[in-house]
Amino acid sequence: MSQTRMSLTDAASGVAFTKGHGTGNDFVLIADPDGSRELTAEQVVAITDRHRGVGADGVIRAVPADRLREGQALLEQEPEARWFMDYRNADGSVSEMCGNGVRVFVHFLLAEGLVEAEPGQQVVIGTRAGVKRVTCLEHGYAIDMGPWSYIDAERAQESASDAVVAAHGLQDPRPALSISMGNPHTVVPVESQADLQALDLSQAPTVEPAAQHGTNVEFVAAFEPLIREGVGRIRMRVHERGVGETQSCGTGACAAAAAMRAWAGSEGSDSWLVEVPGGLLAVDFVQNEDGTEHVVLAGGAELGFTGTIG
């Protein structure tokens, strides 16, 4: 082990893992049925290192909800949420949840025999952003992501923006809109598909005012026409806090659709297709009987391979 970097073997020797992804957003998944495998930030960094470790955008630990304080609180509200998604970004930081990760997490639970569900049935899980209900589809999963909201509602409603973002490849800083999906997002519209492609997201964009705990930054470009047969269509690239640019971000796709719908006004739609470098995601806005508006995210999930560290 070097003085500055923990080796993969030292990080989690003997730990069995599965590698999976949702539209290219990739994760190392670890089953921890007795809650004894809590990982440190340094261990997560070693595992997700793409040159010295397994490589991933993050680590998902499947742990019984009753083994975590956050999970115990959720069980009081929803006893069905027996499994908790303990998600860490590649830099080791704790994250509220991940939309693509939720799909891969449920796919992993089913593959490991930790839950059972057929197409059309739901799996209920716990996350740091609350309980999530995931419907199994023939080819993928649909997640009720819960309600979305503006992070600064007053400014958003006054000017349809609440931040300014600068990034390499953008000629000038651009206005942006901050959306919460249980985790923070800042959505930036760009003029064209060519402008989107020209962005250099190897370095983190600058967001003003800076978010206290950081933010995911989504850059979006509309297709022409924006709405076709009642469905909105946008393309997105994302720089995720604690990770960097990723192939996809599920909560980011939801935030991007919410922002674009707000900017489109009466010309918008409640159904969106969001193209990301890793594939295609569907986002729908659904009105509930209690008057709240929830976001439903649908897409695929795949498990690639299994192994044991060390």
Protein backbone atom coordinates (compact mmCIF):
# COMPACT_ATOMS: atom_id res chain seq x y z
CA MET A 1 0.00 0.00 0.00
CA SER A 2 1.37 3.41 -0.95
CA GLN A 3 1.52 6.26 1.49
CA THR A 4 -1.16 8.21 -0.35
CA ARG A 5 -3.53 5.58 -1.70
CA MET A 6 -5.19 2.55 -0.11
CA SER A 7 -4.79 -0.63 -2.17
CA LEU A 8 -7.83 -2.55 -3.36
CA THR A 9 -6.94 -5.59 -1.24
CA ASP A 10 -6.59 -3.47 1.87
CA ALA A 11 -9.85 -1.73 1.01
CA ALA A 12 -12.12 -4.74 1.28
CA SER A 13 -10.25 -8.04 1.23
CA GLY A 14 -12.51 -11.05 0.73
CA VAL A 15 -15.60 -9.04 -0.15
CA ALA A 16 -17.80 -10.48 -2.92
CA PHE A 17 -19.11 -7.90 -5.36
CA THR A 18 -21.18 -7.54 -8.52
CA LYS A 19 -20.60 -4.93 -11.20
CA GLY A 20 -23.71 -3.41 -12.79
CA HIS A 21 -24.89 -0.36 -14.70
CA GLY A 22 -27.99 1.59 -15.67
CA THR A 23 -27.59 3.37 -19.03
CA GLY A 24 -23.85 3.41 -18.49
CA ASN A 25 -23.96 4.78 -14.93
CA ASP A 26 -21.94 1.98 -13.28
CA PHE A 27 -21.76 0.68 -9.74
CA VAL A 28 -20.05 -1.88 -7.55
CA LEU A 29 -22.75 -3.69 -5.56
CA ILE A 30 -22.11 -5.49 -2.29
CA ALA A 31 -24.62 -7.64 -0.38
CA ASP A 32 -24.31 -7.12 3.37
CA PRO A 33 -27.17 -9.11 4.95
CA ASP A 34 -25.82 -8.83 8.50
CA GLY A 35 -24.77 -5.18 8.27
CA SER A 36 -21.11 -5.83 9.03
CA ARG A 37 -19.52 -4.43 5.86
CA GLU A 38 -19.78 -0.67 6.34
CA LEU A 39 -17.13 0.91 4.12
CA THR A 40 -15.00 3.96 4.82
CA ALA A 41 -14.58 6.77 2.32
CA GLU A 42 -11.01 5.59 1.64
CA GLN A 43 -12.20 2.06 0.90
CA VAL A 44 -14.85 3.34 -1.52
CA VAL A 45 -12.24 5.43 -3.34
CA ALA A 46 -9.99 2.37 -3.69
CA ILE A 47 -12.82 0.17 -4.98
CA THR A 48 -14.07 2.68 -7.55
CA ASP A 49 -10.61 3.60 -8.88
CA ARG A 50 -10.76 2.74 -12.61
CA HIS A 51 -7.03 1.98 -12.84
CA ARG A 52 -6.24 0.25 -9.53
CA GLY A 53 -9.67 -0.94 -8.39
CA VAL A 54 -12.84 -2.44 -9.81
CA GLY A 55 -13.87 0.92 -11.25
CA ALA A 56 -17.28 2.56 -10.91
CA ASP A 57 -19.22 5.79 -10.46
CA GLY A 58 -20.15 4.63 -6.98
CA VAL A 59 -20.62 1.78 -4.51
CA ILE A 60 -24.02 0.45 -3.45
CA ARG A 61 -24.25 -1.65 -0.30
CA ALA A 62 -27.42 -3.70 0.14
CA VAL A 63 -28.05 -3.76 3.87
CA PRO A 64 -31.18 -4.64 5.90
CA ALA A 65 -32.96 -1.40 6.78
CA ASP A 66 -33.11 -2.32 10.46
CA ARG A 67 -29.28 -2.24 10.64
CA LEU A 68 -29.08 1.48 9.87
CA ARG A 69 -30.54 4.40 11.79
CA GLU A 70 -31.89 5.93 8.58
CA GLY A 71 -33.43 2.61 7.60
CA GLN A 72 -35.06 2.10 10.98
CA ALA A 73 -36.82 5.44 10.65
CA LEU A 74 -38.14 4.47 7.21
CA LEU A 75 -39.38 1.09 8.46
CA GLU A 76 -41.65 2.89 10.89
CA GLN A 77 -43.33 4.54 7.89
CA GLU A 78 -43.14 1.63 5.45
CA PRO A 79 -42.51 -1.89 6.83
CA GLU A 80 -42.07 -3.26 3.29
CA ALA A 81 -38.82 -1.30 2.83
CA ARG A 82 -36.73 -4.12 4.26
CA TRP A 83 -33.62 -3.41 2.17
CA PHE A 84 -31.73 -0.12 2.29
CA MET A 85 -29.61 1.29 -0.54
CA ASP A 86 -26.44 2.58 1.13
CA TYR A 87 -24.94 4.61 -1.72
CA ARG A 88 -21.51 6.25 -1.86
CA ASN A 89 -20.09 8.41 -4.65
CA ALA A 90 -16.74 7.50 -6.17
CA ASP A 91 -14.97 10.04 -3.94
CA GLY A 92 -16.33 8.25 -0.86
CA SER A 93 -18.95 10.85 -0.01
CA VAL A 94 -22.42 9.75 1.08
CA SER A 95 -25.22 10.49 -1.40
CA GLU A 96 -28.96 10.64 -0.82
CA MET A 97 -29.73 8.26 -3.68
CA CYS A 98 -29.24 7.70 -7.40
CA GLY A 99 -32.04 7.08 -9.90
CA ASN A 100 -30.00 4.78 -12.13
CA GLY A 101 -28.56 3.15 -9.03
CA VAL A 102 -32.03 2.35 -7.68
CA ARG A 103 -32.83 0.31 -10.79
CA VAL A 104 -29.51 -1.54 -10.62
CA PHE A 105 -29.96 -2.05 -6.87
CA VAL A 106 -33.36 -3.71 -7.33
CA HIS A 107 -32.01 -5.80 -10.22
CA PHE A 108 -29.22 -6.94 -7.88
CA LEU A 109 -31.63 -7.78 -5.04
CA LEU A 110 -33.66 -9.94 -7.43
CA ALA A 111 -30.58 -11.66 -8.85
CA GLU A 112 -29.28 -12.42 -5.36
CA GLY A 113 -32.66 -13.83 -4.29
CA LEU A 114 -32.97 -11.20 -1.56
CA VAL A 115 -36.40 -10.15 -2.88
CA GLU A 116 -38.92 -11.70 -5.27
CA ALA A 117 -41.06 -9.90 -7.85
CA GLU A 118 -42.55 -10.57 -11.27
CA PRO A 119 -43.15 -8.02 -14.06
CA GLY A 120 -45.91 -5.69 -12.94
CA GLN A 121 -45.10 -6.14 -9.25
CA GLN A 122 -43.36 -3.64 -7.00
CA VAL A 123 -40.24 -3.79 -4.87
CA VAL A 124 -40.09 -1.26 -2.02
CA ILE A 125 -36.68 -0.07 -0.83
CA GLY A 126 -35.24 2.51 1.51
CA THR A 127 -32.84 5.29 0.52
CA ARG A 128 -31.51 8.41 2.20
CA ALA A 129 -34.03 10.29 0.04
CA GLY A 130 -36.90 8.23 1.48
CA VAL A 131 -38.84 5.14 0.45
CA LYS A 132 -38.83 4.33 -3.28
CA ARG A 133 -41.34 2.06 -5.03
CA VAL A 134 -39.94 0.28 -8.06
CA THR A 135 -42.18 -1.48 -10.58
CA CYS A 136 -40.65 -4.40 -12.46
CA LEU A 137 -41.16 -4.16 -16.23
CA GLU A 138 -40.55 -6.71 -18.96
CA HIS A 139 -37.34 -4.91 -19.89
CA GLY A 140 -36.30 -2.67 -17.03
CA TYR A 141 -37.78 -0.86 -14.07
CA ALA A 142 -39.96 2.19 -13.37
CA ILE A 143 -39.30 4.12 -10.17
CA ASP A 144 -41.67 6.46 -8.40
CA MET A 145 -39.05 9.07 -7.59
CA GLY A 146 -41.47 11.05 -5.43
CA PRO A 147 -42.13 14.78 -5.77
CA TRP A 148 -39.71 17.24 -7.33
CA SER A 149 -39.27 20.82 -6.18
CA TYR A 150 -37.41 24.03 -6.92
CA ILE A 151 -34.49 24.55 -4.56
CA ASP A 152 -35.17 28.31 -4.63
CA ALA A 153 -38.86 28.49 -5.53
CA GLU A 154 -39.19 32.27 -5.27
CA ARG A 155 -36.33 33.03 -7.67
CA ALA A 156 -37.26 30.18 -9.99
CA GLN A 157 -40.82 31.44 -10.40
CA GLU A 158 -39.71 35.05 -10.84
CA SER A 159 -37.07 34.51 -13.52
CA ALA A 160 -37.04 30.78 -14.42
CA SER A 161 -33.43 30.65 -13.17
CA ASP A 162 -31.65 30.91 -9.84
CA ALA A 163 -27.98 30.34 -10.65
CA VAL A 164 -25.29 31.02 -13.23
CA VAL A 165 -22.99 28.26 -14.48
CA ALA A 166 -19.63 28.49 -16.23
CA ALA A 167 -17.99 25.47 -17.87
CA HIS A 168 -15.12 24.72 -20.23
CA GLY A 169 -16.53 24.85 -23.75
CA LEU A 170 -19.24 27.39 -22.90
CA GLN A 171 -18.50 30.75 -24.48
CA ASP A 172 -20.20 32.62 -21.64
CA PRO A 173 -21.70 31.67 -18.26
CA ARG A 174 -25.35 30.67 -18.61
CA PRO A 175 -28.41 30.99 -16.38
CA ALA A 176 -29.53 27.75 -14.74
CA LEU A 177 -32.39 26.35 -12.68
CA SER A 178 -31.88 24.36 -9.47
CA ILE A 179 -34.13 21.33 -8.93
CA SER A 180 -34.34 18.93 -6.00
CA MET A 181 -35.06 15.27 -6.59
CA GLY A 182 -34.15 14.41 -3.03
CA ASN A 183 -30.63 15.35 -4.11
CA PRO A 184 -29.57 18.68 -5.66
CA HIS A 185 -29.34 19.44 -9.39
CA THR A 186 -28.55 22.55 -11.42
CA VAL A 187 -29.88 22.38 -14.98
CA VAL A 188 -28.25 24.48 -17.72
CA PRO A 189 -29.82 24.92 -21.18
CA VAL A 190 -27.44 25.19 -24.15
CA GLU A 191 -28.27 26.51 -27.60
CA SER A 192 -27.67 23.43 -29.73
CA GLN A 193 -26.63 19.79 -29.86
CA ALA A 194 -23.25 20.96 -31.17
CA ASP A 195 -22.79 23.21 -28.12
CA LEU A 196 -23.63 20.29 -25.86
CA GLN A 197 -21.09 18.07 -27.59
CA ALA A 198 -18.39 20.76 -27.36
CA LEU A 199 -18.46 20.92 -23.57
CA ASP A 200 -15.40 19.77 -21.66
CA LEU A 201 -16.71 18.26 -18.43
CA SER A 202 -13.39 16.79 -17.33
CA GLN A 203 -13.31 19.72 -14.92
CA ALA A 204 -16.16 20.64 -12.60
CA PRO A 205 -18.44 23.48 -13.76
CA THR A 206 -18.59 26.59 -11.58
CA VAL A 207 -22.00 27.32 -10.06
CA GLU A 208 -22.88 30.71 -8.56
CA PRO A 209 -24.16 30.93 -5.95
CA ALA A 210 -22.33 27.80 -4.85
CA ALA A 211 -24.50 25.08 -3.32
CA GLN A 212 -23.67 24.39 0.32
CA HIS A 213 -23.24 20.64 -0.18
CA GLY A 214 -22.42 20.69 -3.88
CA THR A 215 -24.72 19.99 -6.79
CA ASN A 216 -25.00 17.79 -9.85
CA VAL A 217 -24.88 19.91 -13.02
CA GLU A 218 -26.91 18.87 -16.07
CA PHE A 219 -26.44 20.49 -19.49
CA VAL A 220 -29.41 19.99 -21.81
CA ALA A 221 -30.16 20.62 -25.48
CA ALA A 222 -33.60 20.30 -27.07
CA PHE A 223 -34.35 18.30 -30.17
CA GLU A 224 -36.31 19.92 -33.00
CA PRO A 225 -39.20 19.83 -32.60
CA LEU A 226 -39.10 19.78 -28.80
CA ILE A 227 -42.43 17.93 -28.56
CA ARG A 228 -43.24 15.11 -30.95
CA GLU A 229 -46.48 13.13 -30.62
CA GLY A 230 -46.96 14.51 -27.12
CA VAL A 231 -43.51 13.54 -25.84
CA GLY A 232 -40.70 15.98 -25.11
CA ARG A 233 -37.19 15.07 -26.27
CA ILE A 234 -33.91 16.37 -24.90
CA ARG A 235 -30.26 15.31 -24.81
CA MET A 236 -28.25 15.64 -21.59
CA ARG A 237 -24.70 15.49 -20.29
CA VAL A 238 -23.97 15.59 -16.57
CA HIS A 239 -21.15 16.34 -14.17
CA GLU A 240 -22.00 14.55 -10.92
CA ARG A 241 -20.71 15.89 -7.61
CA GLY A 242 -18.11 13.58 -6.14
CA VAL A 243 -17.71 11.67 -9.42
CA GLY A 244 -17.18 13.83 -12.53
CA GLU A 245 -18.85 13.34 -15.90
CA THR A 246 -20.87 10.12 -16.04
CA GLN A 247 -22.64 8.28 -18.82
CA SER A 248 -26.00 8.90 -17.19
CA CYS A 249 -27.77 10.25 -14.09
CA GLY A 250 -31.33 9.15 -13.32
CA THR A 251 -32.24 11.90 -10.89
CA GLY A 252 -30.48 14.32 -13.24
CA ALA A 253 -32.69 13.20 -16.13
CA CYS A 254 -35.74 13.87 -13.96
CA ALA A 255 -34.43 17.30 -12.99
CA ALA A 256 -33.58 18.13 -16.62
CA ALA A 257 -37.10 17.17 -17.74
CA ALA A 258 -38.64 19.22 -14.92
CA ALA A 259 -36.58 22.29 -15.85
CA MET A 260 -37.24 21.96 -19.58
CA ARG A 261 -40.96 21.56 -18.94
CA ALA A 262 -40.92 24.72 -16.83
CA TRP A 263 -39.08 26.67 -19.55
CA ALA A 264 -41.44 25.35 -22.27
CA GLY A 265 -44.53 26.54 -20.37
CA SER A 266 -47.78 25.75 -22.16
CA GLU A 267 -45.81 24.11 -24.97
CA GLY A 268 -44.35 21.52 -22.59
CA SER A 269 -45.38 17.94 -21.86
CA ASP A 270 -45.77 15.56 -18.93
CA SER A 271 -43.81 12.85 -20.76
CA TRP A 272 -40.15 13.11 -21.75
CA LEU A 273 -37.43 11.06 -23.36
CA VAL A 274 -33.97 11.99 -22.14
CA GLU A 275 -31.03 10.83 -24.24
CA VAL A 276 -27.79 10.45 -22.30
CA PRO A 277 -24.40 9.14 -23.50
CA GLY A 278 -25.24 5.75 -21.97
CA GLY A 279 -28.69 5.30 -23.48
CA LEU A 280 -32.29 6.47 -23.15
CA LEU A 281 -34.44 7.23 -20.10
CA ALA A 282 -38.17 7.95 -19.87
CA VAL A 283 -39.49 10.53 -17.41
CA ASP A 284 -43.19 11.06 -16.65
CA PHE A 285 -44.91 13.55 -14.34
CA VAL A 286 -47.92 12.02 -12.59
CA GLN A 287 -50.61 13.78 -10.57
CA ASN A 288 -51.53 11.88 -7.41
CA GLU A 289 -54.91 11.86 -5.72
CA ASP A 290 -53.51 13.91 -2.83
CA GLY A 291 -52.65 16.71 -5.25
CA THR A 292 -48.89 16.13 -5.28
CA GLU A 293 -46.95 15.64 -8.50
CA HIS A 294 -44.54 12.70 -8.60
CA VAL A 295 -41.85 11.88 -11.13
CA VAL A 296 -41.60 8.37 -12.58
CA LEU A 297 -38.26 7.31 -14.09
CA ALA A 298 -38.02 4.25 -16.34
CA GLY A 299 -35.01 2.55 -17.88
CA GLY A 300 -32.94 -0.60 -18.00
CA ALA A 301 -30.44 -2.20 -15.63
CA GLU A 302 -27.74 -4.78 -16.27
CA LEU A 303 -25.36 -6.85 -14.15
CA GLY A 304 -22.04 -7.47 -15.84
CA PHE A 305 -19.88 -9.73 -13.70
CA THR A 306 -19.13 -10.88 -10.17
CA GLY A 307 -15.89 -11.26 -8.28
CA THR A 308 -14.15 -11.22 -4.93
CA ILE A 309 -11.76 -8.50 -3.83
CA GLY A 310 -8.43 -9.89 -2.73
